[in-house]
Every structure is written in C-alpha cells, then in structure tokens.
Amino acid sequence: MTNTAKEDCQALLDVVLPFARQMLSRHKAFFPFGAAVQPDGQIVSVGTSDGNEKPAAGEIAKLLKGAFVAAAQAGDYKATALATDILYGTNKTDAISVELDHQDDYSIKVIIPYKIVKGKLVEEPISAEMGRKEIFVAS
C-alpha cells in the first residue's frame, strides 16, 4: 500500500522536527537541512555545503531547494522537507519552518514559533499555511 501525499509529508515532518528541536536545545540555532521520500518510500537525509566553513543559512537553503528540484525532476524523490530556523511574522519571532512538498501537487509550510527560556526550548502552537509548490515543477 502506498502512502498519500499527506502521509508522506507527515512522515518527513516526524523525521525533521526532532532533529531541529535537538539542535535548538543544544546550540540555540540550526543550519537549514532536509529530508526526502524516495519512490520506494524510504526516507533519506539531505544536506549540502557551499564550501564555506561558515556558510550563510539563506545560501544553504537555496542550494538545498536546487538539489531537491533536480532530484525531483530525475524522479529520485516523491516528497521533500526543508527545515529552516527563521524569524516569523511582524514581531520577528524565532520559529522552526518546515516546507513540505509532494509530487502529487501537495505543498504546505509548517511553522512552530519558539523561545529559549533558561536554556530550554519552549514551543508555541504550531501553524500551517499553503506551500509555494517550488520543488515538483514541470521541467
């Protein structure tokens, strides 16, 4: 039985969120990273580097998106997740952002605002918005 687009994306979210939380708890921040679902349903971690010892987070996110698009066009992935540490909303609140995209025309962005209080990660309620559908585009 194959998973639905929503199930594939939930599985990715279940993989990337614990790592993002771990990085925030330990380091108070994290560089963008990703994961993907291969056609056989296996989930793989996806990373990249721009060659710099201290890369810009925005550049890493851009490189990951480019790698996702190329792999999607090659048929290597059926779903992707890009996790970034962002400033969100008009108050510029720290937040975990996870952009989830699926080949079956499903795209959602999950946002989890957070604070570090006395060294502990404290999350605020999760929200979701429509994604940009940037990964699985016609070539």
Foldseek 3Di string as FASTA:
>chain_A
DDDDLVVLQVVQCVPPVVVQQVCCLVPVFDAKWKWFQFPVRDIDTGFDDPPDPDDDSVVRQVVRLVVLQVCVVVRGGFKMWIWHFFQDDPVRFTWIWIWIDGLVGATKIKIWGWDQDPSHIDTDDIDMDGGDNSRNDDD
